[in-house]
Amino acid sequence: MRYQAVNALSAVGSPAVPYLEQALGDDNPQMRIGALEACGSGNPKDRGRGFSSEDDKLLLPRILDSMRDKDAGVRVVAVHSLPWVCSGENEEARGVGALCDVLDDESPAVRKATAQALRWLATFAKNRASLTYAIPGLLKRLKDDDPSVRREAACALGNMGNAAAMALPQLRELAGSEKDDSTLRELELAIKYISEE
């Protein structure tokens, strides 16, 4: 019940920020997850939430802290929340840097979520050049043991368009040796999107 109440705070908007900040520090991981989901979770193409850019500036440091939480579930939701609060070029660059720091997380679910968040940032970024910092980490994730991580890394690179042109030789090489059909399709699409732009 407390989790649902915290999660519902996203509809309240600005007045809820102090309560979300408190919930992000709660001992219960489900409370922290609820608070992160209230901040924003999933693909940010639907920006229907009640927080202002000033609210996001207050929430951003707490979300960054949550990306280093001891609970992998909290870390997954934290990286999914980050694109929601990274509006503006300075925040985008800060978000990309923070995501790059967790691309090597021990949890495959966190690595996958991180690549997804980079993909979403690439889609909505005001300045795609800020994303080039993530290219080396994403290329490394293209060799991940988990095919879902490899797929998301390929998607992220593809969404960067020609900003990821330096990745083309490695993408082509990896496409020649990829065994997972879904990942191979994403590698081929990434090559196409980067080459066409």
Protein backbone atom coordinates (compact mmCIF):
# COMPACT_ATOMS: atom_id res chain seq x y z
CA MET A 1 0.00 0.00 0.00
CA ARG A 2 2.81 2.46 0.86
CA TYR A 3 4.50 1.62 -2.47
CA GLN A 4 1.31 2.49 -4.40
CA ALA A 5 0.87 5.73 -2.46
CA VAL A 6 4.44 6.80 -3.20
CA ASN A 7 4.11 5.83 -6.85
CA ALA A 8 0.91 7.91 -7.16
CA LEU A 9 2.85 11.05 -6.19
CA SER A 10 3.82 11.56 -9.85
CA ALA A 11 0.33 12.93 -10.51
CA VAL A 12 0.72 15.43 -7.64
CA GLY A 13 3.78 17.05 -9.21
CA SER A 14 5.85 19.74 -7.50
CA PRO A 15 4.29 19.49 -4.03
CA ALA A 16 5.30 15.82 -3.94
CA VAL A 17 9.05 16.40 -4.42
CA PRO A 18 9.96 16.52 -0.68
CA TYR A 19 8.05 13.28 -0.10
CA LEU A 20 9.75 11.60 -3.05
CA GLU A 21 13.15 12.70 -1.79
CA GLN A 22 12.32 11.15 1.58
CA ALA A 23 11.04 7.91 -0.01
CA LEU A 24 14.21 7.64 -2.12
CA GLY A 25 16.14 7.29 1.15
CA ASP A 26 13.75 4.72 2.70
CA ASP A 27 15.16 1.42 4.02
CA ASN A 28 12.59 -0.56 2.04
CA PRO A 29 13.71 -1.17 -1.58
CA GLN A 30 10.07 -1.28 -2.74
CA MET A 31 9.57 2.24 -1.38
CA ARG A 32 12.66 3.42 -3.24
CA ILE A 33 11.40 1.73 -6.43
CA GLY A 34 7.97 3.37 -6.04
CA ALA A 35 9.56 6.78 -5.59
CA LEU A 36 11.76 6.28 -8.66
CA GLU A 37 8.78 5.19 -10.73
CA ALA A 38 6.94 8.31 -9.58
CA CYS A 39 9.89 10.41 -10.79
CA GLY A 40 9.49 8.79 -14.21
CA SER A 41 10.09 5.33 -15.52
CA GLY A 42 10.02 3.67 -18.89
CA ASN A 43 10.30 5.35 -22.26
CA PRO A 44 10.01 9.12 -21.76
CA LYS A 45 8.24 9.73 -25.09
CA ASP A 46 5.09 10.27 -23.05
CA ARG A 47 6.11 13.17 -20.86
CA GLY A 48 2.74 13.39 -19.09
CA ARG A 49 3.96 14.03 -15.56
CA GLY A 50 3.47 16.89 -13.15
CA PHE A 51 7.09 17.85 -12.46
CA SER A 52 8.81 21.01 -13.64
CA SER A 53 12.40 21.29 -14.79
CA GLU A 54 13.19 22.80 -11.38
CA ASP A 55 11.71 19.71 -9.71
CA ASP A 56 13.85 17.53 -11.96
CA LYS A 57 16.97 19.41 -10.86
CA LEU A 58 16.09 18.57 -7.26
CA LEU A 59 15.37 14.92 -8.03
CA LEU A 60 18.38 14.30 -10.28
CA PRO A 61 21.00 13.93 -7.49
CA ARG A 62 18.78 11.42 -5.64
CA ILE A 63 18.26 9.40 -8.81
CA LEU A 64 22.02 9.42 -9.46
CA ASP A 65 22.57 8.11 -5.92
CA SER A 66 19.95 5.39 -6.52
CA MET A 67 21.92 4.15 -9.53
CA ARG A 68 24.49 2.89 -6.99
CA ASP A 69 21.91 1.30 -4.66
CA LYS A 70 22.78 -2.13 -3.19
CA ASP A 71 19.53 -3.53 -4.64
CA ALA A 72 19.69 -4.36 -8.37
CA GLY A 73 15.94 -3.76 -8.77
CA VAL A 74 16.34 -0.23 -7.46
CA ARG A 75 19.28 0.34 -9.82
CA VAL A 76 17.20 -0.82 -12.82
CA VAL A 77 14.38 1.61 -12.05
CA ALA A 78 16.87 4.40 -11.29
CA VAL A 79 18.50 4.17 -14.72
CA HIS A 80 15.04 4.07 -16.31
CA SER A 81 14.09 7.22 -14.35
CA LEU A 82 17.16 9.18 -15.39
CA PRO A 83 16.05 10.14 -18.95
CA TRP A 84 12.88 11.67 -17.52
CA VAL A 85 14.76 14.20 -15.42
CA CYS A 86 17.57 14.94 -17.88
CA SER A 87 16.09 17.83 -19.80
CA GLY A 88 18.47 20.41 -21.16
CA GLU A 89 21.93 19.86 -22.59
CA ASN A 90 23.85 20.09 -19.30
CA GLU A 91 21.60 17.54 -17.63
CA GLU A 92 21.73 15.26 -20.70
CA ALA A 93 25.53 15.25 -20.60
CA ARG A 94 25.48 14.58 -16.85
CA GLY A 95 22.97 11.77 -17.39
CA VAL A 96 25.06 10.17 -20.13
CA GLY A 97 28.13 10.27 -17.90
CA ALA A 98 26.24 8.68 -15.01
CA LEU A 99 24.84 5.96 -17.26
CA CYS A 100 28.30 5.19 -18.61
CA ASP A 101 29.43 4.64 -15.04
CA VAL A 102 26.90 1.81 -14.60
CA LEU A 103 27.23 0.13 -18.01
CA ASP A 104 29.58 -2.36 -16.32
CA ASP A 105 27.18 -3.19 -13.46
CA GLU A 106 27.37 -6.79 -12.19
CA SER A 107 23.67 -7.29 -12.96
CA PRO A 108 22.68 -8.04 -16.58
CA ALA A 109 19.28 -6.43 -15.87
CA VAL A 110 21.00 -3.17 -14.89
CA ARG A 111 23.31 -3.28 -17.92
CA LYS A 112 20.27 -3.82 -20.18
CA ALA A 113 18.30 -1.03 -18.49
CA THR A 114 21.30 1.30 -18.84
CA ALA A 115 21.55 0.65 -22.58
CA GLN A 116 17.77 1.24 -22.85
CA ALA A 117 18.10 4.55 -21.02
CA LEU A 118 20.91 5.60 -23.37
CA ARG A 119 18.68 4.63 -26.31
CA TRP A 120 15.88 6.84 -24.94
CA LEU A 121 18.28 9.73 -24.37
CA ALA A 122 19.54 9.32 -27.94
CA THR A 123 15.98 9.53 -29.23
CA PHE A 124 15.08 12.72 -27.35
CA ALA A 125 18.46 14.41 -26.88
CA LYS A 126 18.69 18.08 -27.74
CA ASN A 127 22.37 17.51 -28.51
CA ARG A 128 23.30 14.04 -29.79
CA ALA A 129 26.99 14.92 -29.62
CA SER A 130 26.76 14.60 -25.84
CA LEU A 131 26.01 10.91 -26.37
CA THR A 132 29.33 10.10 -28.06
CA TYR A 133 30.87 9.67 -24.60
CA ALA A 134 28.76 6.49 -24.28
CA ILE A 135 29.97 4.85 -27.50
CA PRO A 136 32.99 2.98 -26.06
CA GLY A 137 30.87 1.53 -23.22
CA LEU A 138 28.09 0.52 -25.60
CA LEU A 139 30.60 -1.15 -27.93
CA LYS A 140 31.87 -3.12 -24.94
CA ARG A 141 28.28 -4.16 -24.13
CA LEU A 142 27.93 -5.49 -27.69
CA LYS A 143 30.20 -8.31 -26.47
CA ASP A 144 28.14 -8.94 -23.31
CA ASP A 145 27.31 -12.56 -22.44
CA ASP A 146 23.61 -11.62 -22.26
CA PRO A 147 21.99 -11.22 -25.71
CA SER A 148 19.36 -8.80 -24.36
CA VAL A 149 22.16 -6.45 -23.28
CA ARG A 150 23.78 -6.74 -26.71
CA ARG A 151 20.44 -5.94 -28.41
CA GLU A 152 19.85 -2.84 -26.31
CA ALA A 153 23.40 -1.61 -26.88
CA ALA A 154 22.90 -1.97 -30.64
CA CYS A 155 19.58 -0.08 -30.42
CA ALA A 156 21.22 2.73 -28.47
CA LEU A 157 23.99 3.10 -31.03
CA GLY A 158 21.47 3.05 -33.88
CA ASN A 159 19.40 5.79 -32.23
CA MET A 160 22.49 7.98 -32.05
CA GLY A 161 22.53 8.13 -35.84
CA ASN A 162 25.63 9.56 -37.47
CA ALA A 163 26.91 10.68 -34.04
CA ALA A 164 27.88 6.98 -33.68
CA ALA A 165 29.65 6.77 -37.07
CA MET A 166 32.91 5.83 -35.35
CA ALA A 167 31.21 2.60 -34.21
CA LEU A 168 30.43 1.35 -37.73
CA PRO A 169 33.55 -0.80 -38.25
CA GLN A 170 33.03 -2.62 -34.96
CA LEU A 171 29.28 -2.99 -35.56
CA ARG A 172 29.94 -4.58 -38.95
CA GLU A 173 32.53 -6.92 -37.48
CA LEU A 174 30.23 -7.99 -34.65
CA ALA A 175 27.30 -8.49 -37.04
CA GLY A 176 29.44 -11.03 -38.89
CA SER A 177 29.86 -13.18 -35.79
CA GLU A 178 26.57 -12.65 -33.85
CA LYS A 179 24.75 -15.93 -33.13
CA ASP A 180 21.52 -14.52 -31.66
CA ASP A 181 19.04 -13.70 -34.46
CA SER A 182 17.31 -10.84 -32.61
CA THR A 183 20.62 -9.22 -31.73
CA LEU A 184 21.84 -9.63 -35.32
CA ARG A 185 18.72 -7.80 -36.57
CA GLU A 186 19.40 -4.94 -34.15
CA LEU A 187 23.04 -4.76 -35.23
CA GLU A 188 21.97 -4.59 -38.87
CA LEU A 189 19.41 -1.88 -38.09
CA ALA A 190 22.00 0.12 -36.15
CA ILE A 191 24.38 -0.04 -39.11
CA LYS A 192 21.56 1.09 -41.40
CA TYR A 193 20.44 4.00 -39.18
CA ILE A 194 23.98 5.23 -38.59
CA SER A 195 24.88 4.96 -42.30
CA GLU A 196 21.72 6.65 -43.61
CA GLU A 197 21.72 9.73 -41.44
